[in-house]
């Protein structure tokens, strides 16, 4: 039996590196609600966005295989 994988949250900078896009693109796409794996750890007035790597992997797979 394997242990459940711990949820890992990454920063916008790390996401930009992983996706090979600019930090501006990550921030804009997050504000537009284009990343279903984005998690706001702050408030609506002062968001602190992090990105769930498990959900990111599923999102990448869905885009790779079509919607």
N, C-alpha and C. Protein backbone atom coordinates (compact mmCIF):
# COMPACT_ATOMS: atom_id res chain seq x y z
N UNK A 1 0.84 -1.18 0.00
CA UNK A 1 0.00 0.00 0.00
C UNK A 1 0.89 1.24 0.00
N UNK A 2 0.57 2.20 -0.84
CA UNK A 2 1.37 3.43 -0.92
C UNK A 2 0.70 4.54 -0.13
N UNK A 3 1.51 5.41 0.39
CA UNK A 3 0.99 6.56 1.14
C UNK A 3 0.40 7.57 0.16
N UNK A 4 -0.66 8.28 0.56
CA UNK A 4 -1.22 9.29 -0.33
C UNK A 4 -0.20 10.39 -0.58
N UNK A 5 -0.21 10.88 -1.81
CA UNK A 5 0.73 11.94 -2.18
C UNK A 5 0.29 13.25 -1.54
N UNK A 6 1.24 13.94 -0.95
CA UNK A 6 0.94 15.22 -0.31
C UNK A 6 0.61 16.26 -1.37
N UNK A 7 -0.34 17.10 -1.07
CA UNK A 7 -0.70 18.18 -1.98
C UNK A 7 0.41 19.20 -1.94
N UNK A 8 0.84 19.62 -3.11
CA UNK A 8 1.91 20.62 -3.19
C UNK A 8 1.37 21.85 -3.89
N UNK A 9 1.61 22.99 -3.30
CA UNK A 9 1.20 24.26 -3.90
C UNK A 9 2.45 25.01 -4.32
N UNK A 10 2.42 25.55 -5.54
CA UNK A 10 3.56 26.30 -6.05
C UNK A 10 3.16 27.75 -6.27
N UNK A 11 4.15 28.60 -6.41
CA UNK A 11 3.92 30.03 -6.61
C UNK A 11 3.70 30.34 -8.09
N UNK A 12 3.28 31.57 -8.35
CA UNK A 12 3.10 32.02 -9.73
C UNK A 12 4.42 31.97 -10.50
N UNK A 13 5.50 32.31 -9.85
CA UNK A 13 6.81 32.26 -10.50
C UNK A 13 7.18 30.84 -10.91
N UNK A 14 6.92 29.88 -10.01
CA UNK A 14 7.21 28.48 -10.33
C UNK A 14 6.32 27.99 -11.46
N UNK A 15 5.05 28.39 -11.45
CA UNK A 15 4.13 27.99 -12.52
C UNK A 15 4.58 28.56 -13.86
N UNK A 16 4.99 29.82 -13.87
CA UNK A 16 5.48 30.43 -15.11
C UNK A 16 6.65 29.64 -15.67
N UNK A 17 7.57 29.23 -14.81
CA UNK A 17 8.71 28.42 -15.26
C UNK A 17 8.25 27.08 -15.82
N UNK A 18 7.33 26.41 -15.13
CA UNK A 18 6.85 25.11 -15.58
C UNK A 18 6.14 25.18 -16.93
N UNK A 19 5.34 26.23 -17.12
CA UNK A 19 4.57 26.36 -18.35
C UNK A 19 5.34 27.09 -19.45
N UNK A 20 6.50 27.61 -19.12
CA UNK A 20 7.33 28.37 -20.07
C UNK A 20 6.56 29.57 -20.62
N UNK A 21 5.93 30.30 -19.71
CA UNK A 21 5.23 31.54 -20.06
C UNK A 21 5.70 32.62 -19.09
N UNK A 22 5.33 33.84 -19.38
CA UNK A 22 5.75 34.94 -18.51
C UNK A 22 4.92 34.98 -17.22
N UNK A 23 5.46 35.62 -16.23
CA UNK A 23 4.74 35.82 -14.98
C UNK A 23 3.49 36.65 -15.22
N UNK A 24 3.57 37.60 -16.13
CA UNK A 24 2.40 38.42 -16.49
C UNK A 24 1.28 37.55 -17.04
N UNK A 25 1.62 36.59 -17.88
CA UNK A 25 0.62 35.68 -18.44
C UNK A 25 -0.05 34.86 -17.34
N UNK A 26 0.74 34.35 -16.41
CA UNK A 26 0.19 33.57 -15.30
C UNK A 26 -0.77 34.43 -14.48
N UNK A 27 -0.36 35.63 -14.14
CA UNK A 27 -1.22 36.50 -13.33
C UNK A 27 -2.50 36.88 -14.06
N UNK A 28 -2.39 37.19 -15.35
CA UNK A 28 -3.57 37.56 -16.13
C UNK A 28 -4.53 36.38 -16.25
N UNK A 29 -4.00 35.21 -16.56
CA UNK A 29 -4.85 34.02 -16.70
C UNK A 29 -5.51 33.65 -15.38
N UNK A 30 -4.81 33.85 -14.28
CA UNK A 30 -5.38 33.58 -12.96
C UNK A 30 -6.55 34.53 -12.69
N UNK A 31 -6.35 35.81 -12.94
CA UNK A 31 -7.43 36.80 -12.72
C UNK A 31 -8.65 36.48 -13.58
N UNK A 32 -8.43 35.97 -14.77
CA UNK A 32 -9.53 35.64 -15.69
C UNK A 32 -10.22 34.32 -15.33
N UNK A 33 -9.68 33.59 -14.38
CA UNK A 33 -10.28 32.32 -13.98
C UNK A 33 -9.96 31.18 -14.92
N UNK A 34 -8.87 31.29 -15.67
CA UNK A 34 -8.51 30.29 -16.67
C UNK A 34 -7.76 29.09 -16.09
N UNK A 35 -7.36 29.17 -14.83
CA UNK A 35 -6.62 28.08 -14.21
C UNK A 35 -7.46 27.45 -13.11
N UNK A 36 -8.08 26.29 -13.39
CA UNK A 36 -8.92 25.65 -12.37
C UNK A 36 -8.11 25.10 -11.20
N UNK A 37 -6.82 25.11 -11.30
CA UNK A 37 -5.94 24.61 -10.24
C UNK A 37 -5.43 25.73 -9.34
N UNK A 38 -5.88 26.97 -9.57
CA UNK A 38 -5.47 28.11 -8.75
C UNK A 38 -6.22 28.09 -7.42
N UNK A 39 -5.50 28.34 -6.35
CA UNK A 39 -6.06 28.35 -5.00
C UNK A 39 -5.72 29.69 -4.36
N UNK A 40 -6.75 30.42 -3.92
CA UNK A 40 -6.51 31.70 -3.26
C UNK A 40 -6.38 31.47 -1.76
N UNK A 41 -5.20 31.70 -1.23
CA UNK A 41 -4.96 31.55 0.20
C UNK A 41 -5.18 32.85 0.95
N UNK A 42 -5.48 33.91 0.23
CA UNK A 42 -5.72 35.21 0.84
C UNK A 42 -7.21 35.52 0.88
N UNK A 43 -7.54 36.76 0.61
CA UNK A 43 -8.93 37.21 0.58
C UNK A 43 -9.25 37.71 -0.82
N UNK A 44 -10.53 37.91 -1.13
CA UNK A 44 -10.85 38.47 -2.45
C UNK A 44 -10.19 39.83 -2.68
N UNK A 45 -10.05 40.62 -1.62
CA UNK A 45 -9.43 41.93 -1.75
C UNK A 45 -7.91 41.84 -1.86
N UNK A 46 -7.32 40.86 -1.19
CA UNK A 46 -5.86 40.68 -1.21
C UNK A 46 -5.54 39.21 -1.48
N UNK A 47 -5.70 38.79 -2.73
CA UNK A 47 -5.45 37.38 -3.04
C UNK A 47 -3.98 37.00 -2.90
N UNK A 48 -3.77 35.78 -2.46
CA UNK A 48 -2.43 35.17 -2.42
C UNK A 48 -2.56 33.85 -3.18
N UNK A 49 -2.30 33.90 -4.47
CA UNK A 49 -2.53 32.74 -5.32
C UNK A 49 -1.40 31.73 -5.20
N UNK A 50 -1.81 30.47 -5.12
CA UNK A 50 -0.91 29.33 -5.22
C UNK A 50 -1.58 28.35 -6.18
N UNK A 51 -0.82 27.39 -6.66
CA UNK A 51 -1.30 26.51 -7.71
C UNK A 51 -1.06 25.07 -7.30
N UNK A 52 -2.15 24.29 -7.30
CA UNK A 52 -2.15 22.90 -6.86
C UNK A 52 -1.53 22.03 -7.97
N UNK A 53 -0.41 21.39 -7.67
CA UNK A 53 0.30 20.64 -8.71
C UNK A 53 -0.46 19.39 -9.16
N UNK A 54 -1.23 18.77 -8.28
CA UNK A 54 -2.01 17.60 -8.70
C UNK A 54 -3.07 18.01 -9.72
N UNK A 55 -3.78 19.08 -9.43
CA UNK A 55 -4.80 19.57 -10.36
C UNK A 55 -4.16 20.12 -11.63
N UNK A 56 -2.97 20.72 -11.51
CA UNK A 56 -2.24 21.20 -12.67
C UNK A 56 -1.91 20.04 -13.61
N UNK A 57 -1.42 18.93 -13.06
CA UNK A 57 -1.11 17.76 -13.88
C UNK A 57 -2.34 17.27 -14.64
N UNK A 58 -3.49 17.22 -13.97
CA UNK A 58 -4.72 16.79 -14.64
C UNK A 58 -5.12 17.78 -15.73
N UNK A 59 -4.97 19.07 -15.47
CA UNK A 59 -5.29 20.11 -16.44
C UNK A 59 -4.41 19.97 -17.69
N UNK A 60 -3.12 19.74 -17.48
CA UNK A 60 -2.20 19.55 -18.61
C UNK A 60 -2.60 18.32 -19.40
N UNK A 61 -2.90 17.21 -18.72
CA UNK A 61 -3.32 15.99 -19.41
C UNK A 61 -4.58 16.22 -20.23
N UNK A 62 -5.55 16.96 -19.69
CA UNK A 62 -6.80 17.20 -20.41
C UNK A 62 -6.56 18.04 -21.66
N UNK A 63 -5.64 18.96 -21.59
CA UNK A 63 -5.32 19.80 -22.74
C UNK A 63 -4.53 19.01 -23.78
N UNK A 64 -3.73 18.09 -23.32
CA UNK A 64 -2.92 17.26 -24.22
C UNK A 64 -3.82 16.31 -25.01
N UNK A 65 -4.88 15.82 -24.36
CA UNK A 65 -5.76 14.83 -24.97
C UNK A 65 -7.04 15.43 -25.52
N UNK A 66 -7.15 16.73 -25.52
CA UNK A 66 -8.37 17.39 -26.01
C UNK A 66 -9.37 17.57 -24.89
N UNK A 67 -10.32 18.44 -25.14
CA UNK A 67 -11.31 18.77 -24.11
C UNK A 67 -12.35 17.74 -24.08
